[in-house]
Amino acid sequence: RDNAKKMVYLQMNSLKPEDTAVYYCASVPPTGSWGQGTQVTV
């Protein structure tokens, strides 16, 4: 995460077909609405 930029990242290596999904970021626990997500297809 980069707090100065208000960014959080997910570095994904050695991807597998079972990682295929729509990925969302949120606070933990989630509050408010979800974003649109981003599709990852392996």
All heavy atoms as atom14 arrays in JSON, in Angstrom:
{
  "sequence": "RDNAKKMVYLQMNSLKPEDTAVYYCASVPPTGSWGQGTQVTV",
  "atom14_mask": [
    [1, 1, 1, 1, 1, 1, 1, 1, 1, 1, 1, 0, 0, 0],
    [1, 1, 1, 1, 1, 1, 1, 1, 0, 0, 0, 0, 0, 0],
    [1, 1, 1, 1, 1, 1, 1, 1, 0, 0, 0, 0, 0, 0],
    [1, 1, 1, 1, 1, 0, 0, 0, 0, 0, 0, 0, 0, 0],
    [1, 1, 1, 1, 1, 1, 1, 1, 1, 0, 0, 0, 0, 0],
    [1, 1, 1, 1, 1, 1, 1, 1, 1, 0, 0, 0, 0, 0],
    [1, 1, 1, 1, 1, 1, 1, 1, 0, 0, 0, 0, 0, 0],
    [1, 1, 1, 1, 1, 1, 1, 0, 0, 0, 0, 0, 0, 0],
    [1, 1, 1, 1, 1, 1, 1, 1, 1, 1, 1, 1, 0, 0],
    [1, 1, 1, 1, 1, 1, 1, 1, 0, 0, 0, 0, 0, 0],
    [1, 1, 1, 1, 1, 1, 1, 1, 1, 0, 0, 0, 0, 0],
    [1, 1, 1, 1, 1, 1, 1, 1, 0, 0, 0, 0, 0, 0],
    [1, 1, 1, 1, 1, 1, 1, 1, 0, 0, 0, 0, 0, 0],
    [1, 1, 1, 1, 1, 1, 0, 0, 0, 0, 0, 0, 0, 0],
    [1, 1, 1, 1, 1, 1, 1, 1, 0, 0, 0, 0, 0, 0],
    [1, 1, 1, 1, 1, 1, 1, 1, 1, 0, 0, 0, 0, 0],
    [1, 1, 1, 1, 1, 1, 1, 0, 0, 0, 0, 0, 0, 0],
    [1, 1, 1, 1, 1, 1, 1, 1, 1, 0, 0, 0, 0, 0],
    [1, 1, 1, 1, 1, 1, 1, 1, 0, 0, 0, 0, 0, 0],
    [1, 1, 1, 1, 1, 1, 1, 0, 0, 0, 0, 0, 0, 0],
    [1, 1, 1, 1, 1, 0, 0, 0, 0, 0, 0, 0, 0, 0],
    [1, 1, 1, 1, 1, 1, 1, 0, 0, 0, 0, 0, 0, 0],
    [1, 1, 1, 1, 1, 1, 1, 1, 1, 1, 1, 1, 0, 0],
    [1, 1, 1, 1, 1, 1, 1, 1, 1, 1, 1, 1, 0, 0],
    [1, 1, 1, 1, 1, 1, 0, 0, 0, 0, 0, 0, 0, 0],
    [1, 1, 1, 1, 1, 0, 0, 0, 0, 0, 0, 0, 0, 0],
    [1, 1, 1, 1, 1, 1, 0, 0, 0, 0, 0, 0, 0, 0],
    [1, 1, 1, 1, 1, 1, 1, 0, 0, 0, 0, 0, 0, 0],
    [1, 1, 1, 1, 1, 1, 1, 0, 0, 0, 0, 0, 0, 0],
    [1, 1, 1, 1, 1, 1, 1, 0, 0, 0, 0, 0, 0, 0],
    [1, 1, 1, 1, 1, 1, 1, 0, 0, 0, 0, 0, 0, 0],
    [1, 1, 1, 1, 0, 0, 0, 0, 0, 0, 0, 0, 0, 0],
    [1, 1, 1, 1, 1, 1, 0, 0, 0, 0, 0, 0, 0, 0],
    [1, 1, 1, 1, 1, 1, 1, 1, 1, 1, 1, 1, 1, 1],
    [1, 1, 1, 1, 0, 0, 0, 0, 0, 0, 0, 0, 0, 0],
    [1, 1, 1, 1, 1, 1, 1, 1, 1, 0, 0, 0, 0, 0],
    [1, 1, 1, 1, 0, 0, 0, 0, 0, 0, 0, 0, 0, 0],
    [1, 1, 1, 1, 1, 1, 1, 0, 0, 0, 0, 0, 0, 0],
    [1, 1, 1, 1, 1, 1, 1, 1, 1, 0, 0, 0, 0, 0],
    [1, 1, 1, 1, 1, 1, 1, 0, 0, 0, 0, 0, 0, 0],
    [1, 1, 1, 1, 1, 1, 1, 0, 0, 0, 0, 0, 0, 0],
    [1, 1, 1, 1, 1, 1, 1, 0, 0, 0, 0, 0, 0, 0]
  ],
  "atom14_positions": [
    [[0.85, -1.19, 0.0], [0.0, 0.0, 0.0], [0.88, 1.23, 0.0], [2.02, 1.22, 0.47], [-0.95, 0.01, 1.2], [-0.29, 0.19, 2.54], [-1.3, 0.03, 3.7], [-2.33, 1.06, 3.7], [-3.46, 0.98, 4.42], [-3.7, -0.09, 5.16], [-4.34, 1.96, 4.38], [0.0, 0.0, 0.0], [0.0, 0.0, 0.0], [0.0, 0.0, 0.0]],
    [[0.32, 2.33, -0.52], [1.0, 3.62, -0.54], [0.02, 4.63, 0.03], [-0.87, 5.11, -0.66], [1.4, 3.98, -1.98], [2.22, 5.26, -2.06], [2.09, 6.14, -1.17], [2.98, 5.4, -3.02], [0.0, 0.0, 0.0], [0.0, 0.0, 0.0], [0.0, 0.0, 0.0], [0.0, 0.0, 0.0], [0.0, 0.0, 0.0], [0.0, 0.0, 0.0]],
    [[0.18, 4.94, 1.29], [-0.79, 5.82, 1.96], [-0.76, 7.23, 1.4], [-1.79, 7.9, 1.34], [-0.52, 5.85, 3.46], [-0.92, 4.55, 4.15], [-1.79, 3.82, 3.67], [-0.29, 4.25, 5.26], [0.0, 0.0, 0.0], [0.0, 0.0, 0.0], [0.0, 0.0, 0.0], [0.0, 0.0, 0.0], [0.0, 0.0, 0.0], [0.0, 0.0, 0.0]],
    [[0.4, 7.71, 1.0], [0.5, 9.06, 0.45], [-0.33, 9.2, -0.82], [-0.92, 10.26, -1.08], [1.95, 9.41, 0.19], [0.0, 0.0, 0.0], [0.0, 0.0, 0.0], [0.0, 0.0, 0.0], [0.0, 0.0, 0.0], [0.0, 0.0, 0.0], [0.0, 0.0, 0.0], [0.0, 0.0, 0.0], [0.0, 0.0, 0.0], [0.0, 0.0, 0.0]],
    [[-0.39, 8.14, -1.61], [-1.14, 8.17, -2.86], [-2.55, 7.59, -2.71], [-3.31, 7.58, -3.67], [-0.39, 7.38, -3.93], [0.94, 7.98, -4.33], [1.6, 7.16, -5.43], [2.92, 7.78, -5.84], [3.6, 6.97, -6.9], [0.0, 0.0, 0.0], [0.0, 0.0, 0.0], [0.0, 0.0, 0.0], [0.0, 0.0, 0.0], [0.0, 0.0, 0.0]],
    [[-2.87, 7.1, -1.51], [-4.16, 6.45, -1.26], [-4.36, 5.3, -2.23], [-5.42, 5.17, -2.87], [-5.32, 7.45, -1.35], [-5.27, 8.56, -0.31], [-6.5, 9.45, -0.41], [-6.41, 10.61, 0.54], [-7.59, 11.51, 0.42], [0.0, 0.0, 0.0], [0.0, 0.0, 0.0], [0.0, 0.0, 0.0], [0.0, 0.0, 0.0], [0.0, 0.0, 0.0]],
    [[-3.34, 4.47, -2.34], [-3.39, 3.34, -3.26], [-3.07, 2.05, -2.52], [-2.26, 2.03, -1.58], [-2.36, 3.52, -4.38], [-2.58, 4.71, -5.28], [-3.99, 4.52, -6.39], [-3.41, 3.18, -7.45], [0.0, 0.0, 0.0], [0.0, 0.0, 0.0], [0.0, 0.0, 0.0], [0.0, 0.0, 0.0], [0.0, 0.0, 0.0], [0.0, 0.0, 0.0]],
    [[-3.7, 0.98, -2.96], [-3.32, -0.35, -2.52], [-3.23, -1.23, -3.76], [-3.98, -1.04, -4.72], [-4.31, -0.92, -1.47], [-5.7, -1.06, -2.05], [-3.8, -2.22, -0.91], [0.0, 0.0, 0.0], [0.0, 0.0, 0.0], [0.0, 0.0, 0.0], [0.0, 0.0, 0.0], [0.0, 0.0, 0.0], [0.0, 0.0, 0.0], [0.0, 0.0, 0.0]],
    [[-2.28, -2.14, -3.76], [-1.98, -2.96, -4.93], [-2.1, -4.43, -4.58], [-2.05, -4.83, -3.41], [-0.57, -2.67, -5.42], [-0.3, -1.2, -5.67], [0.28, -0.4, -4.69], [-0.64, -0.61, -6.88], [0.52, 0.95, -4.91], [-0.41, 0.74, -7.11], [0.17, 1.51, -6.11], [0.4, 2.85, -6.33], [0.0, 0.0, 0.0], [0.0, 0.0, 0.0]],
    [[-2.25, -5.23, -5.59], [-2.18, -6.68, -5.43], [-1.25, -7.2, -6.51], [-1.59, -7.19, -7.69], [-3.56, -7.34, -5.53], [-3.57, -8.83, -5.19], [-3.29, -9.03, -3.69], [-4.91, -9.47, -5.55], [0.0, 0.0, 0.0], [0.0, 0.0, 0.0], [0.0, 0.0, 0.0], [0.0, 0.0, 0.0], [0.0, 0.0, 0.0], [0.0, 0.0, 0.0]],
    [[-0.07, -7.6, -6.1], [0.89, -8.21, -7.01], [0.63, -9.71, -7.03], [0.75, -10.37, -6.0], [2.32, -7.92, -6.57], [3.39, -8.55, -7.45], [3.38, -8.0, -8.86], [3.28, -6.78, -9.06], [3.46, -8.88, -9.84], [0.0, 0.0, 0.0], [0.0, 0.0, 0.0], [0.0, 0.0, 0.0], [0.0, 0.0, 0.0], [0.0, 0.0, 0.0]],
    [[0.28, -10.21, -8.19], [-0.1, -11.62, -8.32], [0.91, -12.31, -9.23], [1.05, -11.94, -10.4], [-1.5, -11.74, -8.91], [-2.56, -10.96, -8.13], [-4.23, -11.25, -8.72], [-4.13, -10.51, -10.35], [0.0, 0.0, 0.0], [0.0, 0.0, 0.0], [0.0, 0.0, 0.0], [0.0, 0.0, 0.0], [0.0, 0.0, 0.0], [0.0, 0.0, 0.0]],
    [[1.61, -13.28, -8.69], [2.59, -14.06, -9.44], [2.16, -15.52, -9.5], [1.31, -15.96, -8.72], [3.96, -13.95, -8.78], [4.47, -12.52, -8.71], [4.23, -11.71, -9.61], [5.17, -12.19, -7.63], [0.0, 0.0, 0.0], [0.0, 0.0, 0.0], [0.0, 0.0, 0.0], [0.0, 0.0, 0.0], [0.0, 0.0, 0.0], [0.0, 0.0, 0.0]],
    [[2.75, -16.25, -10.4], [2.47, -17.69, -10.56], [0.97, -17.95, -10.6], [0.44, -18.82, -9.89], [3.11, -18.47, -9.4], [4.5, -18.25, -9.34], [0.0, 0.0, 0.0], [0.0, 0.0, 0.0], [0.0, 0.0, 0.0], [0.0, 0.0, 0.0], [0.0, 0.0, 0.0], [0.0, 0.0, 0.0], [0.0, 0.0, 0.0], [0.0, 0.0, 0.0]],
    [[0.29, -17.2, -11.44], [-1.16, -17.28, -11.5], [-1.62, -18.65, -11.99], [-0.97, -19.28, -12.83], [-1.71, -16.17, -12.38], [-1.75, -14.8, -11.7], [-1.86, -13.68, -12.72], [-2.91, -14.73, -10.71], [0.0, 0.0, 0.0], [0.0, 0.0, 0.0], [0.0, 0.0, 0.0], [0.0, 0.0, 0.0], [0.0, 0.0, 0.0], [0.0, 0.0, 0.0]],
    [[-2.77, -19.05, -11.44], [-3.37, -20.34, -11.77], [-4.78, -20.1, -12.33], [-5.4, -19.08, -12.03], [-3.48, -21.2, -10.5], [-2.17, -21.41, -9.77], [-2.39, -22.19, -8.48], [-1.09, -22.41, -7.73], [-1.31, -23.17, -6.46], [0.0, 0.0, 0.0], [0.0, 0.0, 0.0], [0.0, 0.0, 0.0], [0.0, 0.0, 0.0], [0.0, 0.0, 0.0]],
    [[-5.29, -21.06, -13.09], [-6.66, -20.89, -13.61], [-7.68, -20.65, -12.49], [-8.65, -19.9, -12.7], [-6.91, -22.21, -14.32], [-5.55, -22.64, -14.78], [-4.62, -22.23, -13.68], [0.0, 0.0, 0.0], [0.0, 0.0, 0.0], [0.0, 0.0, 0.0], [0.0, 0.0, 0.0], [0.0, 0.0, 0.0], [0.0, 0.0, 0.0], [0.0, 0.0, 0.0]],
    [[-7.46, -21.23, -11.34], [-8.41, -21.04, -10.24], [-8.35, -19.64, -9.63], [-9.16, -19.3, -8.76], [-8.21, -22.09, -9.14], [-6.78, -22.24, -8.66], [-6.03, -23.38, -9.36], [-6.18, -23.51, -10.6], [-5.28, -24.1, -8.67], [0.0, 0.0, 0.0], [0.0, 0.0, 0.0], [0.0, 0.0, 0.0], [0.0, 0.0, 0.0], [0.0, 0.0, 0.0]],
    [[-7.41, -18.82, -10.06], [-7.38, -17.42, -9.64], [-8.33, -16.56, -10.46], [-8.51, -15.37, -10.17], [-5.97, -16.86, -9.74], [-4.98, -17.52, -8.79], [-5.35, -17.74, -7.63], [-3.84, -17.8, -9.22], [0.0, 0.0, 0.0], [0.0, 0.0, 0.0], [0.0, 0.0, 0.0], [0.0, 0.0, 0.0], [0.0, 0.0, 0.0], [0.0, 0.0, 0.0]],
    [[-8.92, -17.13, -11.5], [-9.86, -16.4, -12.34], [-11.05, -15.92, -11.51], [-11.71, -16.72, -10.85], [-10.34, -17.28, -13.49], [-9.22, -17.58, -14.33], [-11.42, -16.58, -14.31], [0.0, 0.0, 0.0], [0.0, 0.0, 0.0], [0.0, 0.0, 0.0], [0.0, 0.0, 0.0], [0.0, 0.0, 0.0], [0.0, 0.0, 0.0], [0.0, 0.0, 0.0]],
    [[-11.3, -14.62, -11.54], [-12.37, -14.03, -10.74], [-12.42, -12.54, -11.03], [-11.53, -11.98, -11.68], [-12.12, -14.25, -9.25], [0.0, 0.0, 0.0], [0.0, 0.0, 0.0], [0.0, 0.0, 0.0], [0.0, 0.0, 0.0], [0.0, 0.0, 0.0], [0.0, 0.0, 0.0], [0.0, 0.0, 0.0], [0.0, 0.0, 0.0], [0.0, 0.0, 0.0]],
    [[-13.46, -11.9, -10.51], [-13.49, -10.45, -10.45], [-12.88, -10.05, -9.1], [-13.28, -10.58, -8.06], [-14.91, -9.89, -10.57], [-14.89, -8.37, -10.47], [-15.54, -10.33, -11.9], [0.0, 0.0, 0.0], [0.0, 0.0, 0.0], [0.0, 0.0, 0.0], [0.0, 0.0, 0.0], [0.0, 0.0, 0.0], [0.0, 0.0, 0.0], [0.0, 0.0, 0.0]],
    [[-11.92, -9.16, -9.15], [-11.21, -8.74, -7.95], [-11.68, -7.35, -7.52], [-11.82, -6.44, -8.35], [-9.7, -8.73, -8.2], [-9.1, -10.13, -8.21], [-9.34, -10.99, -9.27], [-8.32, -10.58, -7.15], [-8.82, -12.28, -9.28], [-7.78, -11.85, -7.15], [-8.04, -12.7, -8.22], [-7.5, -13.97, -8.21], [0.0, 0.0, 0.0], [0.0, 0.0, 0.0]],
    [[-11.9, -7.21, -6.22], [-12.38, -5.96, -5.63], [-11.46, -5.56, -4.49], [-10.95, -6.43, -3.76], [-13.78, -6.13, -5.05], [-14.83, -6.62, -6.0], [-15.02, -7.99, -6.24], [-15.68, -5.73, -6.65], [-16.0, -8.44, -7.09], [-16.67, -6.18, -7.51], [-16.82, -7.54, -7.73], [-17.81, -7.97, -8.58], [0.0, 0.0, 0.0], [0.0, 0.0, 0.0]],
    [[-11.3, -4.28, -4.3], [-10.64, -3.83, -3.07], [-11.69, -3.15, -2.19], [-12.7, -2.62, -2.67], [-9.48, -2.89, -3.35], [-9.93, -1.26, -3.94], [0.0, 0.0, 0.0], [0.0, 0.0, 0.0], [0.0, 0.0, 0.0], [0.0, 0.0, 0.0], [0.0, 0.0, 0.0], [0.0, 0.0, 0.0], [0.0, 0.0, 0.0], [0.0, 0.0, 0.0]],
    [[-11.45, -3.21, -0.9], [-12.37, -2.6, 0.07], [-11.65, -2.52, 1.4], [-10.6, -3.14, 1.61], [-13.64, -3.43, 0.2], [0.0, 0.0, 0.0], [0.0, 0.0, 0.0], [0.0, 0.0, 0.0], [0.0, 0.0, 0.0], [0.0, 0.0, 0.0], [0.0, 0.0, 0.0], [0.0, 0.0, 0.0], [0.0, 0.0, 0.0], [0.0, 0.0, 0.0]],
    [[-12.25, -1.78, 2.3], [-11.74, -1.79, 3.66], [-12.11, -3.13, 4.3], [-12.99, -3.84, 3.82], [-12.33, -0.63, 4.46], [-13.74, -0.7, 4.47], [0.0, 0.0, 0.0], [0.0, 0.0, 0.0], [0.0, 0.0, 0.0], [0.0, 0.0, 0.0], [0.0, 0.0, 0.0], [0.0, 0.0, 0.0], [0.0, 0.0, 0.0], [0.0, 0.0, 0.0]],
    [[-11.42, -3.47, 5.36], [-11.71, -4.71, 6.08], [-12.08, -4.34, 7.51], [-11.22, -3.83, 8.24], [-10.5, -5.67, 6.06], [-10.83, -6.96, 6.82], [-10.1, -5.98, 4.62], [0.0, 0.0, 0.0], [0.0, 0.0, 0.0], [0.0, 0.0, 0.0], [0.0, 0.0, 0.0], [0.0, 0.0, 0.0], [0.0, 0.0, 0.0], [0.0, 0.0, 0.0]],
    [[-13.33, -4.59, 7.94], [-14.42, -5.16, 7.16], [-14.95, -4.16, 6.15], [-14.79, -2.94, 6.33], [-15.48, -5.49, 8.22], [-15.23, -4.5, 9.31], [-13.75, -4.3, 9.33], [0.0, 0.0, 0.0], [0.0, 0.0, 0.0], [0.0, 0.0, 0.0], [0.0, 0.0, 0.0], [0.0, 0.0, 0.0], [0.0, 0.0, 0.0], [0.0, 0.0, 0.0]],
    [[-15.6, -4.67, 5.1], [-16.11, -3.77, 4.07], [-17.25, -2.89, 4.6], [-18.08, -3.34, 5.37], [-16.65, -4.72, 2.98], [-16.04, -6.03, 3.27], [-15.81, -6.08, 4.75], [0.0, 0.0, 0.0], [0.0, 0.0, 0.0], [0.0, 0.0, 0.0], [0.0, 0.0, 0.0], [0.0, 0.0, 0.0], [0.0, 0.0, 0.0], [0.0, 0.0, 0.0]],
    [[-17.25, -1.63, 4.2], [-18.33, -0.71, 4.52], [-18.68, 0.06, 3.25], [-17.82, 0.32, 2.42], [-17.93, 0.29, 5.62], [-16.8, 1.04, 5.17], [-17.58, -0.43, 6.91], [0.0, 0.0, 0.0], [0.0, 0.0, 0.0], [0.0, 0.0, 0.0], [0.0, 0.0, 0.0], [0.0, 0.0, 0.0], [0.0, 0.0, 0.0], [0.0, 0.0, 0.0]],
    [[-19.94, 0.4, 3.11], [-20.35, 1.13, 1.93], [-20.44, 0.22, 0.71], [-20.44, -1.01, 0.82], [0.0, 0.0, 0.0], [0.0, 0.0, 0.0], [0.0, 0.0, 0.0], [0.0, 0.0, 0.0], [0.0, 0.0, 0.0], [0.0, 0.0, 0.0], [0.0, 0.0, 0.0], [0.0, 0.0, 0.0], [0.0, 0.0, 0.0], [0.0, 0.0, 0.0]],
    [[-20.53, 0.83, -0.43], [-20.73, 0.08, -1.66], [-19.41, -0.46, -2.21], [-18.34, 0.08, -1.95], [-21.41, 0.96, -2.71], [-20.61, 2.11, -2.96], [0.0, 0.0, 0.0], [0.0, 0.0, 0.0], [0.0, 0.0, 0.0], [0.0, 0.0, 0.0], [0.0, 0.0, 0.0], [0.0, 0.0, 0.0], [0.0, 0.0, 0.0], [0.0, 0.0, 0.0]],
    [[-19.5, -1.52, -2.99], [-18.34, -2.1, -3.65], [-18.04, -1.32, -4.94], [-18.92, -0.72, -5.54], [-18.61, -3.55, -4.01], [-18.71, -4.45, -2.82], [-19.85, -4.76, -2.12], [-17.64, -5.14, -2.17], [-19.55, -5.61, -1.09], [-18.2, -5.87, -1.09], [-16.27, -5.24, -2.39], [-17.44, -6.67, -0.24], [-15.51, -6.03, -1.54], [-16.09, -6.73, -0.48]],
    [[-16.78, -1.36, -5.35], [-16.41, -0.81, -6.64], [-16.86, -1.73, -7.75], [-17.51, -2.75, -7.52], [0.0, 0.0, 0.0], [0.0, 0.0, 0.0], [0.0, 0.0, 0.0], [0.0, 0.0, 0.0], [0.0, 0.0, 0.0], [0.0, 0.0, 0.0], [0.0, 0.0, 0.0], [0.0, 0.0, 0.0], [0.0, 0.0, 0.0], [0.0, 0.0, 0.0]],
    [[-16.46, -1.39, -8.98], [-16.88, -2.2, -10.12], [-16.05, -3.45, -10.28], [-16.42, -4.38, -10.98], [-16.82, -1.37, -11.41], [-15.44, -1.28, -12.06], [-14.5, -0.34, -11.34], [-14.88, 0.35, -10.39], [-13.25, -0.28, -11.8], [0.0, 0.0, 0.0], [0.0, 0.0, 0.0], [0.0, 0.0, 0.0], [0.0, 0.0, 0.0], [0.0, 0.0, 0.0]],
    [[-14.91, -3.49, -9.6], [-14.03, -4.65, -9.69], [-13.24, -4.66, -10.98], [-13.46, -3.85, -11.89], [0.0, 0.0, 0.0], [0.0, 0.0, 0.0], [0.0, 0.0, 0.0], [0.0, 0.0, 0.0], [0.0, 0.0, 0.0], [0.0, 0.0, 0.0], [0.0, 0.0, 0.0], [0.0, 0.0, 0.0], [0.0, 0.0, 0.0], [0.0, 0.0, 0.0]],
    [[-12.3, -5.58, -11.06], [-11.52, -5.76, -12.28], [-11.39, -7.25, -12.56], [-11.08, -8.04, -11.65], [-10.14, -5.07, -12.16], [-9.45, -5.13, -13.41], [-9.26, -5.68, -11.06], [0.0, 0.0, 0.0], [0.0, 0.0, 0.0], [0.0, 0.0, 0.0], [0.0, 0.0, 0.0], [0.0, 0.0, 0.0], [0.0, 0.0, 0.0], [0.0, 0.0, 0.0]],
    [[-11.65, -7.64, -13.79], [-11.68, -9.05, -14.15], [-10.26, -9.58, -14.37], [-9.47, -8.99, -15.12], [-12.5, -9.25, -15.43], [-12.5, -10.67, -15.97], [-13.31, -11.63, -15.1], [-14.44, -11.34, -14.72], [-12.73, -12.79, -14.79], [0.0, 0.0, 0.0], [0.0, 0.0, 0.0], [0.0, 0.0, 0.0], [0.0, 0.0, 0.0], [0.0, 0.0, 0.0]],
    [[-9.98, -10.7, -13.74], [-8.72, -11.43, -13.97], [-9.08, -12.8, -14.53], [-9.85, -13.53, -13.91], [-7.91, -11.57, -12.67], [-6.71, -12.49, -12.88], [-7.45, -10.2, -12.18], [0.0, 0.0, 0.0], [0.0, 0.0, 0.0], [0.0, 0.0, 0.0], [0.0, 0.0, 0.0], [0.0, 0.0, 0.0], [0.0, 0.0, 0.0], [0.0, 0.0, 0.0]],
    [[-8.53, -13.1, -15.68], [-8.77, -14.4, -16.31], [-7.43, -15.07, -16.56], [-6.56, -14.49, -17.22], [-9.53, -14.25, -17.63], [-10.78, -13.57, -17.38], [-9.82, -15.6, -18.25], [0.0, 0.0, 0.0], [0.0, 0.0, 0.0], [0.0, 0.0, 0.0], [0.0, 0.0, 0.0], [0.0, 0.0, 0.0], [0.0, 0.0, 0.0], [0.0, 0.0, 0.0]],
    [[-7.27, -16.25, -16.0], [-6.03, -17.01, -16.16], [-6.36, -18.23, -17.03], [-7.06, -19.14, -16.6], [-5.45, -17.45, -14.82], [-4.1, -18.13, -15.02], [-5.31, -16.25, -13.88], [0.0, 0.0, 0.0], [0.0, 0.0, 0.0], [0.0, 0.0, 0.0], [0.0, 0.0, 0.0], [0.0, 0.0, 0.0], [0.0, 0.0, 0.0], [0.0, 0.0, 0.0]]
  ]
}
